[in-house]
Amino acid sequence: MSYICPPGVTVHAPYTPSHAAILSCEALQLLATLTRAHGPAISHLLAERQERQTQIDAGALPDFLPETQALRQAKWHAAPIPPDLLDRRVEITGPSSDRKMVINALNSGASAFMADFEDANSPTWENSVQGQINLIDAVRRDITYTSPDGKPYRLCDQPAVLIVRPRGWHLVEGHIEVDGLPMPAALVDAGLYLFHNAHELITRGSGPYLYLPKLESHQEARVWDQVLSHAEALLGLTTGTVKVTVLVETLLAAFEIDEIIYALRDRIVGMNCGRWDYLFSYIKKLRHHAFLLPDRAQVTMTSPCMRAYSLLTIETCHRRGILAIGGMAAQIPVKGDPVANERALALVRSDKEREASDGHDGTWVAHPALVSVAREVFDRLMPASNQVSRIPDIDVTAQDLLQAPKGTITERGVRNNVSVAVRYTAAWLDGRGAVPLYNLMEDAATAEIARAQLWQWIHHPQAMMDNGRRVTKEFVQACLEEEMADLAQSADHAQGRWADAKELIMRLTLGEQWEDFLTIGGYEKLVSTPVAPQESAS
């Protein structure tokens, strides 16, 4: 048996009946049509990213666009928000590929569940297709799972609203080609979800909702609008049916919030402060400048540049009539240590109190046990469905957004970055995209911060640790060798692609040339080495 493909489309993957149901000829035709129509524009956007980076490297620091000043000053609003998206006080996130986790997240008591094909999901072929299967079943309310010990899982009567995050523009799906080239992964993830679920969701009184990741400009937002309008036409949907929330998780996007909202004004319902990717983007974009960050743990949302970014997002979103969702609390419950667990919960409460008090309309958590903690805060501080009518009186400048956080680089911070980068990468290569490490839920964004900091510290002589030593290539390599030696003695070493992870992290941190995404280099290894499906530990 083989997949029935339209002309010009090839599926490079083993055939299974369940996968063939997802990759029907009609579904593949939709993907091919979108790819042929919009693939050139996506390639152009990626080339523009490189050109903009060249300009920044040469000294042209990011700033608000003078050519769109009139748009920023004009009075206009985005389209109305659907009823089931008006109250998003607590959102939970997790990989779409883990069937048990999908059920637990939908049953968690959260307002919405972001089912992730991106940073919390390792994009193995099995994970990517299984994620679509899980969401089809979830939309129809018949998703079930039975654990190896016989425990059944099924949906509750009032599950969270489903929102899906496809992969970003920079990634491809290497298992599906159109006219000899791999399809953009964003079109695969979004296209398959809409093909199989859009009409069913509307029938059930909801709609097809997406989270759009890693946009760097309003031009990128406009291409998403064109893609979704085209998909709506192909599926017989009214223009604007697909609603989106945009993650403000790149430094450049923070300078174009108004413009991005305007480009998506007929379908955007909110924005989210994707704080971890934002930090990674800050390092990446300014890597050749002396905007050095201290240890990751010292950079909080109260750091001036992060607070400016958060308040600017709230102010702009509310002025345009859409929601501003807060960022991820990475803490997870600490089992067996009540003191450490209460410390983690206190950090979550404090973070959520800041968000609700500042005017955010909701927040993210990474674990079902934290839903009630975040909900208590927002119920107490935000009694209405949202706070869109509340507009902060602020004036955020480019200097505010660029100001480097103060703090120190410590040997412990260097070693933690090494450990998180290699441990997460090994798990990601093994098919797991959301990984608990050191009582935090790590995903690709936090691993990217870790390896990006190491690269930048190595390449800037002024990057001194608080013990007076420089962060050198030799020191980072020695830390990596010590980490690998420790892992060889641990139970964790029995599973995991440690050699591949070490090679990739060495290349990304010690190499002279910067590489934009860990997941691009990692994906090459995923495509060449099939990975068996994984079951979550939660």
Protein backbone atom coordinates (compact mmCIF):
# COMPACT_ATOMS: atom_id res chain seq x y z
CA MET A 1 0.00 0.00 0.00
CA SER A 2 1.11 3.56 -0.64
CA TYR A 3 -0.26 7.06 -0.23
CA ILE A 4 -2.49 8.32 -3.03
CA CYS A 5 -0.89 11.63 -3.94
CA PRO A 6 -1.94 14.35 -6.37
CA PRO A 7 0.47 15.15 -9.23
CA GLY A 8 3.78 16.56 -8.04
CA VAL A 9 3.36 15.47 -4.41
CA THR A 10 5.43 12.73 -2.77
CA VAL A 11 5.18 11.36 0.77
CA HIS A 12 8.48 9.92 2.01
CA ALA A 13 7.20 7.89 4.95
CA PRO A 14 6.05 4.35 5.74
CA TYR A 15 2.41 3.74 4.86
CA THR A 16 -0.11 3.09 7.63
CA PRO A 17 -3.90 3.20 7.30
CA SER A 18 -4.23 5.74 10.13
CA HIS A 19 -1.69 8.07 8.50
CA ALA A 20 -3.32 7.61 5.09
CA ALA A 21 -6.61 8.84 6.56
CA ILE A 22 -4.87 12.08 7.52
CA LEU A 23 -2.89 12.36 4.28
CA SER A 24 -5.75 11.75 1.87
CA CYS A 25 -5.34 12.82 -1.72
CA GLU A 26 -7.74 15.72 -1.10
CA ALA A 27 -5.81 16.88 1.97
CA LEU A 28 -2.51 16.66 0.12
CA GLN A 29 -4.01 18.63 -2.77
CA LEU A 30 -4.91 21.43 -0.36
CA LEU A 31 -1.35 21.47 0.99
CA ALA A 32 0.12 21.45 -2.51
CA THR A 33 -2.12 24.31 -3.63
CA LEU A 34 -1.13 26.42 -0.62
CA THR A 35 2.56 25.58 -1.07
CA ARG A 36 2.62 26.45 -4.76
CA ALA A 37 0.76 29.71 -4.15
CA HIS A 38 2.60 30.91 -1.05
CA GLY A 39 5.90 29.01 -0.91
CA PRO A 40 7.75 31.71 -2.92
CA ALA A 41 6.51 34.41 -0.53
CA ILE A 42 7.66 32.38 2.48
CA SER A 43 11.11 31.94 0.90
CA HIS A 44 11.22 35.69 0.29
CA LEU A 45 10.35 36.39 3.92
CA LEU A 46 13.18 34.17 5.12
CA ALA A 47 15.61 35.97 2.80
CA GLU A 48 14.38 39.30 4.20
CA ARG A 49 15.12 38.03 7.72
CA GLN A 50 18.73 37.45 6.69
CA GLU A 51 18.98 40.87 5.06
CA ARG A 52 17.60 42.55 8.18
CA GLN A 53 20.11 40.65 10.31
CA THR A 54 22.92 41.88 8.08
CA GLN A 55 21.75 45.44 8.66
CA ILE A 56 21.61 44.93 12.44
CA ASP A 57 25.08 43.38 12.44
CA ALA A 58 26.29 46.51 10.63
CA GLY A 59 24.86 48.76 13.36
CA ALA A 60 21.26 49.52 12.32
CA LEU A 61 19.55 48.70 15.61
CA PRO A 62 15.82 47.90 15.64
CA ASP A 63 13.42 50.83 15.88
CA PHE A 64 9.77 51.64 15.26
CA LEU A 65 9.05 52.02 11.53
CA PRO A 66 8.81 55.65 10.38
CA GLU A 67 6.82 54.69 7.28
CA THR A 68 3.95 53.27 9.38
CA GLN A 69 3.76 56.03 11.99
CA ALA A 70 0.38 57.23 10.68
CA LEU A 71 -1.05 53.72 11.06
CA ARG A 72 0.16 53.55 14.67
CA GLN A 73 -1.44 56.89 15.47
CA ALA A 74 -4.76 56.24 13.68
CA LYS A 75 -7.88 55.00 15.47
CA TRP A 76 -8.98 51.56 14.30
CA HIS A 77 -9.93 48.22 15.81
CA ALA A 78 -9.57 44.58 14.91
CA ALA A 79 -12.63 42.43 14.22
CA PRO A 80 -14.80 41.28 17.16
CA ILE A 81 -13.63 38.36 19.31
CA PRO A 82 -15.72 35.14 19.18
CA PRO A 83 -17.64 34.40 22.41
CA ASP A 84 -15.62 31.31 23.35
CA LEU A 85 -12.37 33.30 23.18
CA LEU A 86 -13.44 36.28 25.29
CA ASP A 87 -12.30 34.66 28.56
CA ARG A 88 -8.81 33.13 28.33
CA ARG A 89 -7.63 33.71 31.89
CA VAL A 90 -5.63 30.47 32.05
CA GLU A 91 -4.18 28.65 29.06
CA ILE A 92 -2.24 25.42 29.26
CA THR A 93 0.22 24.27 26.62
CA GLY A 94 1.68 20.96 25.58
CA PRO A 95 2.63 18.81 22.59
CA SER A 96 -0.18 17.78 20.27
CA SER A 97 1.46 14.38 19.76
CA ASP A 98 1.01 13.05 23.30
CA ARG A 99 -2.51 11.64 23.45
CA LYS A 100 -2.71 11.36 27.24
CA MET A 101 -1.32 14.88 27.67
CA VAL A 102 -3.88 16.26 25.20
CA ILE A 103 -6.72 14.72 27.24
CA ASN A 104 -5.26 15.91 30.55
CA ALA A 105 -4.77 19.44 29.22
CA LEU A 106 -8.30 19.66 27.84
CA ASN A 107 -9.62 18.36 31.19
CA SER A 108 -7.35 20.57 33.32
CA GLY A 109 -9.86 23.34 34.04
CA ALA A 110 -7.92 25.78 31.85
CA SER A 111 -9.84 28.18 29.63
CA ALA A 112 -7.90 27.12 26.55
CA PHE A 113 -5.39 24.48 25.52
CA MET A 114 -2.67 25.35 23.01
CA ALA A 115 -1.92 22.08 21.25
CA ASP A 116 1.62 22.52 20.02
CA PHE A 117 3.28 21.34 16.82
CA GLU A 118 6.17 23.72 17.47
CA ASP A 119 8.51 24.34 20.42
CA ALA A 120 6.94 21.82 22.82
CA ASN A 121 6.79 19.11 20.14
CA SER A 122 9.65 17.16 18.61
CA PRO A 123 8.61 17.07 14.92
CA THR A 124 9.26 13.41 14.18
CA TRP A 125 7.02 12.08 11.45
CA GLU A 126 5.10 9.96 13.93
CA ASN A 127 4.60 12.93 16.28
CA SER A 128 3.46 15.25 13.50
CA VAL A 129 0.84 12.86 12.12
CA GLN A 130 -0.23 11.52 15.52
CA GLY A 131 -0.81 15.10 16.62
CA GLN A 132 -3.31 15.54 13.78
CA ILE A 133 -5.04 12.27 14.73
CA ASN A 134 -5.27 13.38 18.35
CA LEU A 135 -6.80 16.73 17.42
CA ILE A 136 -9.36 15.19 15.06
CA ASP A 137 -10.51 12.95 17.90
CA ALA A 138 -10.42 15.81 20.42
CA VAL A 139 -12.56 18.08 18.23
CA ARG A 140 -15.16 15.32 17.94
CA ARG A 141 -15.00 14.68 21.70
CA ASP A 142 -14.19 10.97 21.26
CA ILE A 143 -10.48 11.01 22.10
CA THR A 144 -9.61 8.26 24.61
CA TYR A 145 -6.45 6.67 25.95
CA THR A 146 -5.67 3.66 28.12
CA SER A 147 -2.35 3.58 29.97
CA PRO A 148 -0.17 0.46 30.06
CA ASP A 149 -1.50 -0.27 33.55
CA GLY A 150 -5.09 -0.09 32.33
CA LYS A 151 -6.08 3.41 33.51
CA PRO A 152 -8.63 4.97 31.11
CA TYR A 153 -8.59 8.62 30.02
CA ARG A 154 -11.46 10.44 28.27
CA LEU A 155 -12.71 14.00 27.88
CA CYS A 156 -14.79 15.79 30.47
CA ASP A 157 -18.07 17.50 29.61
CA GLN A 158 -16.55 20.99 29.32
CA PRO A 159 -13.03 20.75 27.95
CA ALA A 160 -10.82 23.76 27.30
CA VAL A 161 -11.13 25.66 24.03
CA LEU A 162 -8.66 24.23 21.52
CA ILE A 163 -6.05 26.48 19.89
CA VAL A 164 -3.36 24.97 17.65
CA ARG A 165 0.18 26.25 17.13
CA PRO A 166 1.73 25.21 13.80
CA ARG A 167 5.46 25.28 13.23
CA GLY A 168 7.11 28.55 12.20
CA TRP A 169 7.97 29.82 8.73
CA HIS A 170 11.60 28.71 9.09
CA LEU A 171 10.87 24.98 9.33
CA VAL A 172 10.05 22.43 6.62
CA GLU A 173 8.29 19.08 6.65
CA GLY A 174 10.91 16.85 5.06
CA HIS A 175 8.56 13.90 4.62
CA ILE A 176 6.23 15.65 2.15
CA GLU A 177 7.51 17.17 -1.08
CA VAL A 178 5.74 19.20 -3.71
CA ASP A 179 7.47 19.58 -7.07
CA GLY A 180 10.65 18.14 -5.55
CA LEU A 181 10.90 20.50 -2.57
CA PRO A 182 9.90 19.94 1.08
CA MET A 183 6.70 21.67 2.10
CA PRO A 184 6.78 24.54 4.59
CA ALA A 185 5.92 22.90 7.91
CA ALA A 186 3.58 25.74 8.87
CA LEU A 187 1.38 25.00 5.86
CA VAL A 188 1.36 21.27 6.64
CA ASP A 189 0.36 21.71 10.29
CA ALA A 190 -2.22 24.45 9.76
CA GLY A 191 -3.50 23.04 6.46
CA LEU A 192 -4.17 19.53 7.77
CA TYR A 193 -5.82 20.84 10.93
CA LEU A 194 -8.15 23.13 8.98
CA PHE A 195 -8.93 20.52 6.33
CA HIS A 196 -10.03 17.93 8.87
CA ASN A 197 -11.59 20.12 11.56
CA ALA A 198 -12.74 23.58 10.47
CA HIS A 199 -16.29 22.65 9.51
CA GLU A 200 -16.68 20.31 12.49
CA LEU A 201 -15.59 23.03 14.91
CA ILE A 202 -18.08 25.51 13.43
CA THR A 203 -20.87 22.95 13.66
CA ARG A 204 -20.06 22.53 17.35
CA GLY A 205 -20.33 26.25 18.03
CA SER A 206 -16.61 27.05 18.13
CA GLY A 207 -14.17 27.66 15.29
CA PRO A 208 -10.71 26.96 13.92
CA TYR A 209 -8.26 28.86 16.12
CA LEU A 210 -4.48 29.11 15.61
CA TYR A 211 -1.47 30.49 17.50
CA LEU A 212 1.03 32.00 15.05
CA PRO A 213 4.69 31.71 16.18
CA LYS A 214 7.92 33.61 15.65
CA LEU A 215 6.73 36.38 13.36
CA GLU A 216 9.36 39.06 12.81
CA SER A 217 7.43 41.62 10.75
CA HIS A 218 4.01 42.74 9.57
CA GLN A 219 4.94 41.43 6.12
CA GLU A 220 5.16 37.95 7.65
CA ALA A 221 1.76 38.49 9.28
CA ARG A 222 0.31 39.56 5.93
CA VAL A 223 1.47 36.32 4.30
CA TRP A 224 -0.26 34.35 7.08
CA ASP A 225 -3.44 36.30 6.35
CA GLN A 226 -3.13 35.50 2.66
CA VAL A 227 -2.51 31.81 3.38
CA LEU A 228 -5.51 31.57 5.70
CA SER A 229 -7.79 33.49 3.33
CA HIS A 230 -6.76 31.12 0.54
CA ALA A 231 -7.38 28.07 2.74
CA GLU A 232 -10.80 29.45 3.71
CA ALA A 233 -11.71 29.85 0.04
CA LEU A 234 -10.58 26.31 -0.78
CA LEU A 235 -12.59 24.92 2.14
CA GLY A 236 -15.71 26.98 1.47
CA LEU A 237 -15.35 29.09 4.60
CA THR A 238 -16.15 32.77 5.01
CA THR A 239 -13.08 35.00 5.01
CA GLY A 240 -12.01 35.64 8.59
CA THR A 241 -13.40 32.37 9.94
CA VAL A 242 -9.95 31.24 11.07
CA LYS A 243 -9.07 33.29 14.14
CA VAL A 244 -5.49 33.77 15.27
CA THR A 245 -3.48 34.78 18.29
CA VAL A 246 0.04 36.02 17.55
CA LEU A 247 2.98 35.28 19.80
CA VAL A 248 5.07 38.41 20.28
CA GLU A 249 8.20 36.33 20.76
CA THR A 250 10.79 38.06 18.60
CA LEU A 251 12.54 41.33 19.27
CA LEU A 252 11.61 42.75 15.87
CA ALA A 253 7.92 41.94 16.32
CA ALA A 254 7.86 44.12 19.45
CA PHE A 255 8.58 47.11 17.20
CA GLU A 256 5.69 46.23 14.84
CA ILE A 257 2.83 45.21 17.14
CA ASP A 258 0.39 47.72 15.65
CA GLU A 259 1.39 46.79 12.13
CA ILE A 260 1.04 43.04 12.77
CA ILE A 261 -2.43 43.51 14.26
CA TYR A 262 -3.44 45.61 11.26
CA ALA A 263 -2.20 42.99 8.79
CA LEU A 264 -4.40 40.41 10.55
CA ARG A 265 -7.19 42.76 11.62
CA ASP A 266 -10.03 40.61 10.20
CA ARG A 267 -8.98 37.51 12.19
CA ILE A 268 -6.67 38.41 15.08
CA VAL A 269 -8.15 38.05 18.57
CA GLY A 270 -5.09 38.44 20.76
CA MET A 271 -1.34 38.45 21.30
CA ASN A 272 0.81 36.53 23.73
CA CYS A 273 4.06 37.51 25.41
CA GLY A 274 6.19 34.51 24.48
CA ARG A 275 8.90 35.50 26.92
CA TRP A 276 11.38 32.65 26.41
CA ASP A 277 11.56 32.89 22.64
CA TYR A 278 11.67 36.66 23.05
CA LEU A 279 14.82 36.37 25.15
CA PHE A 280 16.32 34.02 22.58
CA SER A 281 15.47 36.49 19.82
CA TYR A 282 17.01 39.36 21.81
CA ILE A 283 20.30 37.45 22.01
CA LYS A 284 20.12 36.28 18.40
CA LYS A 285 19.38 39.65 16.84
CA LEU A 286 21.91 41.57 18.96
CA ARG A 287 24.55 38.84 19.10
CA HIS A 288 27.29 40.93 17.51
CA HIS A 289 26.63 43.87 19.83
CA ALA A 290 27.52 44.27 23.49
CA PHE A 291 23.96 43.64 24.72
CA LEU A 292 25.05 40.82 26.98
CA LEU A 293 22.50 39.09 29.18
CA PRO A 294 23.36 37.77 32.64
CA ASP A 295 22.43 34.24 33.72
CA ARG A 296 19.04 33.26 32.33
CA ALA A 297 17.60 32.85 35.83
CA GLN A 298 18.35 36.52 36.57
CA VAL A 299 16.36 37.82 33.58
CA THR A 300 12.78 38.06 34.81
CA MET A 301 9.73 39.90 33.55
CA THR A 302 10.56 42.70 36.01
CA SER A 303 13.78 43.44 34.11
CA PRO A 304 13.25 46.86 32.48
CA CYS A 305 13.40 45.69 28.85
CA MET A 306 11.06 42.74 29.52
CA ARG A 307 8.61 44.88 31.45
CA ALA A 308 8.61 47.45 28.65
CA TYR A 309 7.85 44.70 26.12
CA SER A 310 5.04 43.32 28.25
CA LEU A 311 3.39 46.69 28.90
CA LEU A 312 3.72 47.71 25.24
CA THR A 313 1.97 44.50 24.21
CA ILE A 314 -0.89 45.13 26.65
CA GLU A 315 -1.29 48.78 25.69
CA THR A 316 -1.28 48.14 21.93
CA CYS A 317 -3.56 45.11 22.06
CA HIS A 318 -6.15 46.82 24.24
CA ARG A 319 -6.08 49.97 22.13
CA ARG A 320 -6.95 47.77 19.13
CA GLY A 321 -9.65 45.79 20.97
CA ILE A 322 -7.89 42.43 21.32
CA LEU A 323 -6.58 40.33 24.22
CA ALA A 324 -3.05 40.40 25.66
CA ILE A 325 -2.13 37.03 27.12
CA GLY A 326 0.76 36.71 29.57
CA GLY A 327 3.70 34.35 29.29
CA MET A 328 4.63 30.89 30.42
CA ALA A 329 5.25 29.96 34.03
CA ALA A 330 7.92 27.32 33.53
CA GLN A 331 7.77 26.01 37.11
CA ILE A 332 6.26 22.57 37.67
CA PRO A 333 5.26 20.82 40.91
CA VAL A 334 8.22 19.46 42.89
CA LYS A 335 7.41 15.97 44.08
CA GLY A 336 8.74 14.80 47.41
CA ASP A 337 9.93 18.21 48.59
CA PRO A 338 7.12 20.34 50.10
CA VAL A 339 9.41 23.31 50.76
CA ALA A 340 10.70 23.42 47.18
CA ASN A 341 7.19 22.87 45.87
CA GLU A 342 5.78 25.80 47.83
CA ARG A 343 8.68 27.95 46.64
CA ALA A 344 7.81 27.08 43.03
CA LEU A 345 4.12 27.82 43.57
CA ALA A 346 4.98 31.15 45.18
CA LEU A 347 6.97 32.11 42.08
CA VAL A 348 4.02 31.23 39.87
CA ARG A 349 1.60 33.27 42.03
CA SER A 350 3.89 36.28 42.02
CA ASP A 351 4.34 36.11 38.25
CA LYS A 352 0.60 35.84 37.63
CA GLU A 353 -0.21 38.65 40.08
CA ARG A 354 2.14 40.92 38.16
CA GLU A 355 0.48 39.97 34.86
CA ALA A 356 -3.10 40.43 36.10
CA SER A 357 -2.25 43.71 37.86
CA ASP A 358 -0.54 45.10 34.77
CA GLY A 359 -3.58 44.37 32.63
CA HIS A 360 -2.98 41.01 30.95
CA ASP A 361 -6.18 39.16 30.06
CA GLY A 362 -4.83 35.71 30.84
CA THR A 363 -1.70 33.66 31.20
CA TRP A 364 0.07 30.40 30.34
CA VAL A 365 1.01 27.43 32.51
CA ALA A 366 2.87 24.26 31.57
CA HIS A 367 1.34 21.77 34.02
CA PRO A 368 -2.27 20.90 34.96
CA ALA A 369 -1.48 21.29 38.67
CA LEU A 370 -0.76 24.99 38.10
CA VAL A 371 -4.08 25.80 36.46
CA SER A 372 -5.84 26.34 39.79
CA VAL A 373 -2.95 28.50 41.07
CA ALA A 374 -3.10 30.83 38.07
CA ARG A 375 -6.91 30.82 37.99
CA GLU A 376 -7.15 31.89 41.63
CA VAL A 377 -4.99 34.92 40.88
CA PHE A 378 -6.91 35.99 37.78
CA ASP A 379 -10.30 35.31 39.39
CA ARG A 380 -9.27 37.56 42.27
CA LEU A 381 -7.69 40.37 40.23
CA MET A 382 -9.73 40.11 37.02
CA PRO A 383 -13.39 39.42 37.89
CA ALA A 384 -14.61 40.24 34.38
CA SER A 385 -13.94 38.05 31.32
CA ASN A 386 -10.97 40.21 30.31
CA GLN A 387 -9.43 43.66 30.76
CA VAL A 388 -9.44 44.90 27.17
CA SER A 389 -11.04 48.18 28.24
CA ARG A 390 -8.06 48.89 30.48
CA ILE A 391 -5.30 50.69 28.55
CA PRO A 392 -2.02 51.41 30.36
CA ASP A 393 -0.75 54.98 30.11
CA ILE A 394 2.79 54.29 28.94
CA ASP A 395 5.35 55.57 26.46
CA VAL A 396 7.77 52.77 25.52
CA THR A 397 10.80 53.81 23.48
CA ALA A 398 13.21 51.79 21.36
CA GLN A 399 15.83 52.32 24.04
CA ASP A 400 13.48 50.78 26.62
CA LEU A 401 13.11 47.63 24.52
CA LEU A 402 16.84 47.34 23.84
CA GLN A 403 18.20 48.04 27.32
CA ALA A 404 20.20 45.00 28.44
CA PRO A 405 19.11 43.50 31.79
CA LYS A 406 21.58 43.96 34.63
CA GLY A 407 23.08 41.02 36.47
CA THR A 408 26.05 38.70 36.53
CA ILE A 409 27.35 35.75 34.58
CA THR A 410 28.21 32.95 36.96
CA GLU A 411 29.99 29.65 36.55
CA ARG A 412 26.82 27.97 37.77
CA GLY A 413 24.88 29.75 35.04
CA VAL A 414 27.31 28.62 32.36
CA ARG A 415 27.14 25.03 33.56
CA ASN A 416 23.34 25.15 33.77
CA ASN A 417 23.16 26.37 30.17
CA VAL A 418 25.40 23.52 29.05
CA SER A 419 23.35 20.97 30.97
CA VAL A 420 19.94 22.23 29.78
CA ALA A 421 21.10 22.52 26.17
CA VAL A 422 22.52 18.99 25.89
CA ARG A 423 19.85 17.26 28.00
CA TYR A 424 16.97 18.93 26.19
CA THR A 425 18.51 18.31 22.75
CA ALA A 426 18.97 14.62 23.50
CA ALA A 427 15.34 14.34 24.57
CA TRP A 428 14.17 16.31 21.51
CA LEU A 429 16.11 13.99 19.21
CA ASP A 430 14.47 11.10 21.05
CA GLY A 431 11.03 12.46 20.20
CA ARG A 432 10.15 14.50 23.33
CA GLY A 433 9.62 18.23 22.97
CA ALA A 434 8.50 19.17 26.50
CA VAL A 435 11.09 18.02 29.04
CA PRO A 436 11.13 18.54 32.84
CA LEU A 437 14.64 19.60 33.92
CA TYR A 438 15.64 20.98 37.32
CA ASN A 439 11.99 21.54 38.32
CA LEU A 440 11.22 23.56 35.18
CA MET A 441 9.39 22.51 32.04
CA GLU A 442 11.84 23.18 29.24
CA ASP A 443 11.04 23.39 25.54
CA ALA A 444 12.98 24.36 22.45
CA ALA A 445 12.87 28.06 23.38
CA THR A 446 14.71 27.64 26.67
CA ALA A 447 17.28 25.34 25.05
CA GLU A 448 17.78 28.02 22.41
CA ILE A 449 18.43 30.64 25.11
CA ALA A 450 20.98 28.35 26.75
CA ARG A 451 23.01 27.67 23.61
CA ALA A 452 22.66 31.27 22.36
CA GLN A 453 24.02 32.71 25.59
CA LEU A 454 26.99 30.38 25.48
CA TRP A 455 27.80 31.38 21.90
CA GLN A 456 27.51 35.10 22.64
CA TRP A 457 29.51 34.92 25.85
CA ILE A 458 32.30 33.05 24.06
CA HIS A 459 32.44 35.64 21.27
CA HIS A 460 32.55 38.73 23.50
CA PRO A 461 35.75 39.31 25.52
CA GLN A 462 33.84 41.41 28.07
CA ALA A 463 31.71 38.39 29.05
CA MET A 464 33.32 37.81 32.43
CA MET A 465 32.03 35.53 35.15
CA ASP A 466 31.67 36.92 38.62
CA ASN A 467 34.74 34.91 39.66
CA GLY A 468 36.89 36.99 37.28
CA ARG A 469 37.25 34.33 34.57
CA ARG A 470 36.29 34.80 30.94
CA VAL A 471 33.72 32.55 29.30
CA THR A 472 36.00 30.90 26.76
CA LYS A 473 35.45 28.20 24.19
CA GLU A 474 37.79 25.94 26.13
CA PHE A 475 35.87 26.42 29.37
CA VAL A 476 32.49 25.72 27.77
CA GLN A 477 33.87 22.61 26.08
CA ALA A 478 35.31 21.42 29.39
CA CYS A 479 31.89 21.94 31.02
CA LEU A 480 30.28 19.94 28.24
CA GLU A 481 32.75 17.07 28.67
CA GLU A 482 32.11 17.05 32.43
CA GLU A 483 28.35 17.02 31.83
CA MET A 484 28.69 14.08 29.46
CA ALA A 485 30.82 12.22 32.00
CA ASP A 486 28.19 12.80 34.69
CA LEU A 487 25.45 11.62 32.36
CA ALA A 488 27.37 8.43 31.57
CA GLN A 489 27.05 7.49 35.24
CA SER A 490 23.33 8.28 35.50
CA ALA A 491 20.20 6.32 34.72
CA ASP A 492 19.31 8.97 32.13
CA HIS A 493 22.13 7.77 29.91
CA ALA A 494 20.40 4.50 29.12
CA GLN A 495 17.99 6.38 26.87
CA GLY A 496 18.71 9.35 24.68
CA ARG A 497 20.79 10.28 21.67
CA TRP A 498 23.64 11.74 23.68
CA ALA A 499 26.34 11.58 21.02
CA ASP A 500 24.15 13.40 18.49
CA ALA A 501 23.10 15.94 21.11
CA LYS A 502 26.70 16.61 22.12
CA GLU A 503 27.78 17.05 18.50
CA LEU A 504 24.95 19.47 17.78
CA ILE A 505 25.47 21.58 20.93
CA MET A 506 29.22 21.74 20.29
CA ARG A 507 28.54 23.00 16.77
CA LEU A 508 25.99 25.58 17.95
CA THR A 509 28.01 26.95 20.87
CA LEU A 510 31.63 26.55 19.82
CA GLY A 511 31.37 27.16 16.08
CA GLU A 512 32.45 30.46 14.59
CA GLN A 513 29.32 30.78 12.45
CA TRP A 514 26.01 31.47 14.15
CA GLU A 515 23.16 29.07 13.32
CA ASP A 516 19.67 30.54 13.56
CA PHE A 517 17.75 27.63 15.08
CA LEU A 518 18.72 24.54 17.03
CA THR A 519 15.65 22.86 15.56
CA ILE A 520 16.88 23.24 11.97
CA GLY A 521 20.11 21.34 12.63
CA GLY A 522 18.26 18.94 14.88
CA TYR A 523 15.59 18.26 12.27
CA GLU A 524 18.19 17.00 9.83
CA LYS A 525 19.02 14.32 12.38
CA LEU A 526 15.34 13.54 13.02
CA VAL A 527 14.63 13.02 9.33
CA SER A 528 17.63 10.72 8.93
CA THR A 529 16.83 8.68 12.07
CA PRO A 530 13.20 7.58 12.61
CA VAL A 531 12.01 7.86 16.20
CA ALA A 532 9.48 5.61 17.90
CA PRO A 533 6.45 7.31 19.51
CA GLN A 534 6.98 8.36 23.11
CA GLU A 535 4.62 8.34 26.08
CA SER A 536 4.77 11.25 28.50
CA ALA A 537 5.67 10.77 32.14
CA SER A 538 2.90 13.11 33.35
